[in-house]
C-alpha atoms as a PDB file:
ATOM      1  CA  MET A   1      38.615 -75.018   8.213  1.00  0.00           C
ATOM      2  CA  GLY A   2      38.472 -71.646   6.590  1.00  0.00           C
ATOM      3  CA  ARG A   3      40.086 -68.518   7.139  1.00  0.00           C
ATOM      4  CA  ASP A   4      37.082 -67.082   9.309  1.00  0.00           C
ATOM      5  CA  ALA A   5      37.199 -69.743  11.535  1.00  0.00           C
ATOM      6  CA  ARG A   6      40.883 -69.574  11.803  1.00  0.00           C
ATOM      7  CA  PHE A   7      40.501 -66.213  12.864  1.00  0.00           C
ATOM      8  CA  CYS A   8      37.822 -66.935  15.367  1.00  0.00           C
ATOM      9  CA  VAL A   9      40.169 -69.813  16.980  1.00  0.00           C
ATOM     10  CA  GLU A  10      42.938 -67.226  17.570  1.00  0.00           C
ATOM     11  CA  ALA A  11      40.859 -64.595  18.808  1.00  0.00           C
ATOM     12  CA  ALA A  12      39.271 -67.002  21.193  1.00  0.00           C
ATOM     13  CA  LYS A  13      42.626 -68.270  22.746  1.00  0.00           C
ATOM     14  CA  GLU A  14      43.815 -64.393  23.119  1.00  0.00           C
ATOM     15  CA  ILE A  15      40.765 -64.010  25.527  1.00  0.00           C
ATOM     16  CA  CYS A  16      40.085 -67.209  27.050  1.00  0.00           C
ATOM     17  CA  LEU A  17      41.433 -66.511  30.298  1.00  0.00           C
ATOM     18  CA  PRO A  18      39.196 -67.789  33.296  1.00  0.00           C
ATOM     19  CA  GLN A  19      37.347 -64.354  33.715  1.00  0.00           C
ATOM     20  CA  ASN A  20      36.209 -64.828  30.023  1.00  0.00           C
ATOM     21  CA  ARG A  21      35.398 -68.313  30.042  1.00  0.00           C
ATOM     22  CA  LEU A  22      31.937 -67.376  28.685  1.00  0.00           C
ATOM     23  CA  VAL A  23      32.987 -65.693  25.746  1.00  0.00           C
ATOM     24  CA  CYS A  24      35.127 -68.620  24.817  1.00  0.00           C
ATOM     25  CA  HIS A  25      32.169 -70.912  25.330  1.00  0.00           C
ATOM     26  CA  ASN A  26      30.197 -68.911  22.943  1.00  0.00           C
ATOM     27  CA  MET A  27      32.907 -68.716  20.286  1.00  0.00           C
ATOM     28  CA  TYR A  28      33.084 -72.157  20.061  1.00  0.00           C
ATOM     29  CA  ALA A  29      29.560 -73.121  20.480  1.00  0.00           C
ATOM     30  CA  HIS A  30      28.468 -71.181  17.389  1.00  0.00           C
ATOM     31  CA  MET A  31      31.734 -71.299  15.121  1.00  0.00           C
ATOM     32  CA  ASN A  32      29.755 -73.972  12.798  1.00  0.00           C
ATOM     33  CA  SER A  33      26.578 -71.646  12.411  1.00  0.00           C
ATOM     34  CA  THR A  34      28.456 -68.437  11.697  1.00  0.00           C
ATOM     35  CA  GLN A  35      27.525 -65.823   9.146  1.00  0.00           C
ATOM     36  CA  ARG A  36      29.970 -62.832   8.043  1.00  0.00           C
ATOM     37  CA  ALA A  37      28.184 -59.556   8.832  1.00  0.00           C
ATOM     38  CA  HIS A  38      29.790 -55.866   7.324  1.00  0.00           C
ATOM     39  CA  ILE A  39      29.181 -53.597   9.988  1.00  0.00           C
ATOM     40  CA  VAL A  40      30.290 -49.877  10.163  1.00  0.00           C
ATOM     41  CA  ILE A  41      31.790 -48.727  13.569  1.00  0.00           C
ATOM     42  CA  PRO A  42      33.001 -45.152  14.426  1.00  0.00           C
ATOM     43  CA  SER A  43      36.807 -44.787  14.801  1.00  0.00           C
ATOM     44  CA  ASP A  44      36.599 -43.453  18.492  1.00  0.00           C
ATOM     45  CA  LEU A  45      34.380 -46.779  19.730  1.00  0.00           C
ATOM     46  CA  LEU A  46      36.498 -49.072  17.479  1.00  0.00           C
ATOM     47  CA  ARG A  47      39.780 -47.316  19.268  1.00  0.00           C
ATOM     48  CA  GLU A  48      37.906 -47.965  23.049  1.00  0.00           C
ATOM     49  CA  ILE A  49      37.027 -51.566  22.233  1.00  0.00           C
ATOM     50  CA  ASP A  50      40.711 -52.605  21.058  1.00  0.00           C
ATOM     51  CA  ALA A  51      42.016 -50.777  24.333  1.00  0.00           C
ATOM     52  CA  ILE A  52      39.919 -52.936  26.340  1.00  0.00           C
ATOM     53  CA  VAL A  53      40.351 -56.483  24.619  1.00  0.00           C
ATOM     54  CA  GLY A  54      42.769 -55.708  21.950  1.00  0.00           C
ATOM     55  CA  PRO A  55      42.521 -55.722  18.039  1.00  0.00           C
ATOM     56  CA  ARG A  56      42.150 -59.396  17.835  1.00  0.00           C
ATOM     57  CA  GLY A  57      39.448 -59.446  20.454  1.00  0.00           C
ATOM     58  CA  ARG A  58      36.988 -57.638  18.660  1.00  0.00           C
ATOM     59  CA  THR A  59      34.847 -60.328  17.144  1.00  0.00           C
ATOM     60  CA  ALA A  60      34.520 -62.138  20.465  1.00  0.00           C
ATOM     61  CA  PHE A  61      33.791 -58.890  22.262  1.00  0.00           C
ATOM     62  CA  LEU A  62      31.197 -57.377  19.864  1.00  0.00           C
ATOM     63  CA  LEU A  63      29.352 -60.910  19.954  1.00  0.00           C
ATOM     64  CA  GLU A  64      29.012 -60.999  23.440  1.00  0.00           C
ATOM     65  CA  THR A  65      28.092 -57.607  23.731  1.00  0.00           C
ATOM     66  CA  ALA A  66      25.439 -58.427  20.998  1.00  0.00           C
ATOM     67  CA  ARG A  67      24.038 -61.594  22.953  1.00  0.00           C
ATOM     68  CA  GLU A  68      23.759 -59.530  26.115  1.00  0.00           C
ATOM     69  CA  GLU A  69      21.830 -57.063  24.714  1.00  0.00           C
ATOM     70  CA  VAL A  70      19.376 -59.270  23.058  1.00  0.00           C
ATOM     71  CA  ARG A  71      18.819 -61.219  26.062  1.00  0.00           C
ATOM     72  CA  ARG A  72      18.376 -57.724  27.843  1.00  0.00           C
ATOM     73  CA  ARG A  73      15.887 -56.628  25.183  1.00  0.00           C
ATOM     74  CA  LYS A  74      13.849 -60.085  25.076  1.00  0.00           C
ATOM     75  CA  LEU A  75      13.575 -59.848  29.160  1.00  0.00           C
ATOM     76  CA  LEU A  76      12.579 -56.404  29.225  1.00  0.00           C
ATOM     77  CA  ARG A  77       9.856 -57.222  26.546  1.00  0.00           C
ATOM     78  CA  PHE A  78       8.602 -60.194  28.411  1.00  0.00           C
ATOM     79  CA  LEU A  79       8.344 -57.966  31.682  1.00  0.00           C
ATOM     80  CA  GLU A  80       6.763 -55.240  29.671  1.00  0.00           C
ATOM     81  CA  GLY A  81       3.947 -57.653  28.495  1.00  0.00           C
ATOM     82  CA  GLN A  82       0.500 -57.613  29.719  1.00  0.00           C
ATOM     83  CA  LYS A  83       0.733 -61.589  30.791  1.00  0.00           C
ATOM     84  CA  PRO A  84       1.167 -62.312  34.389  1.00  0.00           C
ATOM     85  CA  THR A  85       4.399 -64.057  35.250  1.00  0.00           C
ATOM     86  CA  TRP A  86       2.771 -66.347  37.979  1.00  0.00           C
ATOM     87  CA  LYS A  87      -0.665 -67.067  39.153  1.00  0.00           C
ATOM     88  CA  GLU A  88      -1.775 -65.316  42.280  1.00  0.00           C
ATOM     89  CA  LYS A  89      -2.888 -67.692  45.076  1.00  0.00           C
ATOM     90  CA  PRO A  90      -4.280 -66.341  48.209  1.00  0.00           C
ATOM     91  CA  ARG A  91      -2.122 -66.986  51.260  1.00  0.00           C
ATOM     92  CA  ALA A  92      -2.723 -66.754  54.922  1.00  0.00           C
ATOM     93  CA  GLU A  93      -0.313 -64.690  56.939  1.00  0.00           C
ATOM     94  CA  GLU A  94      -0.099 -67.775  59.148  1.00  0.00           C
ATOM     95  CA  ASP A  95       0.965 -69.890  56.377  1.00  0.00           C
ATOM     96  CA  SER A  96       3.872 -67.231  55.533  1.00  0.00           C
ATOM     97  CA  ALA A  97       5.290 -67.301  59.145  1.00  0.00           C
ATOM     98  CA  ALA A  98       5.413 -71.126  59.284  1.00  0.00           C
ATOM     99  CA  TRP A  99       6.871 -71.558  55.782  1.00  0.00           C
ATOM    100  CA  VAL A 100       9.660 -68.901  57.334  1.00  0.00           C
ATOM    101  CA  ARG A 101      10.002 -70.604  60.321  1.00  0.00           C
ATOM    102  CA  LYS A 102      10.661 -73.989  58.768  1.00  0.00           C
ATOM    103  CA  LEU A 103      13.339 -72.642  56.552  1.00  0.00           C
ATOM    104  CA  ARG A 104      14.931 -71.017  59.383  1.00  0.00           C
ATOM    105  CA  SER A 105      15.004 -74.235  61.595  1.00  0.00           C
ATOM    106  CA  GLU A 106      16.306 -76.405  58.457  1.00  0.00           C
ATOM    107  CA  SER A 107      19.066 -74.371  58.049  1.00  0.00           C
ATOM    108  CA  GLU A 108      19.779 -74.500  61.516  1.00  0.00           C
ATOM    109  CA  GLY A 109      20.042 -77.962  61.361  1.00  0.00           C
ATOM    110  CA  ARG A 110      22.173 -78.028  58.575  1.00  0.00           C
ATOM    111  CA  ILE A 111      24.679 -75.915  60.315  1.00  0.00           C
ATOM    112  CA  GLU A 112      24.512 -77.871  63.514  1.00  0.00           C
ATOM    113  CA  ALA A 113      25.123 -80.955  62.040  1.00  0.00           C
ATOM    114  CA  GLU A 114      28.228 -79.812  60.035  1.00  0.00           C
ATOM    115  CA  ASN A 115      29.907 -78.017  63.060  1.00  0.00           C
ATOM    116  CA  PRO A 116      28.676 -79.007  66.539  1.00  0.00           C
ATOM    117  CA  GLN A 117      30.697 -76.460  68.088  1.00  0.00           C
ATOM    118  CA  SER A 118      28.458 -73.593  66.364  1.00  0.00           C
ATOM    119  CA  ARG A 119      25.681 -73.817  69.059  1.00  0.00           C
ATOM    120  CA  ARG A 120      28.119 -73.551  71.804  1.00  0.00           C
ATOM    121  CA  ARG A 121      29.843 -70.551  70.581  1.00  0.00           C
ATOM    122  CA  ARG A 122      25.838 -68.951  69.647  1.00  0.00           C
ATOM    123  CA  GLY A 123      25.421 -69.701  73.171  1.00  0.00           C
ATOM    124  CA  ARG A 124      28.106 -67.372  74.640  1.00  0.00           C
ATOM    125  CA  ARG A 125      27.753 -64.371  72.639  1.00  0.00           C
END
């Protein structure tokens, strides 16, 4: 394991808390296909990042942030595109109402099956 990979593993260990599982996963999932990139960050921004994740968590934080931004921009590009996301099908109002009634009755049936007392309680209210 090279020096960079060891650094990433150490950085991942520091931030692999339950609330940061996604970051930890991303660190390990992409370590075999990484490249080094030299970036310039203003010192005030670097101090803010360090205050949030510490100096050993910078790489993971920047990776996660970059991935989220790439995903967000792809989604925006898709949503701003001219191609419709779904095909419009004309539906009658009664079809929608029947579908909603069916969903509600299925939900009520599951609730009553899980807790037979729920119907009695609802009747008392």
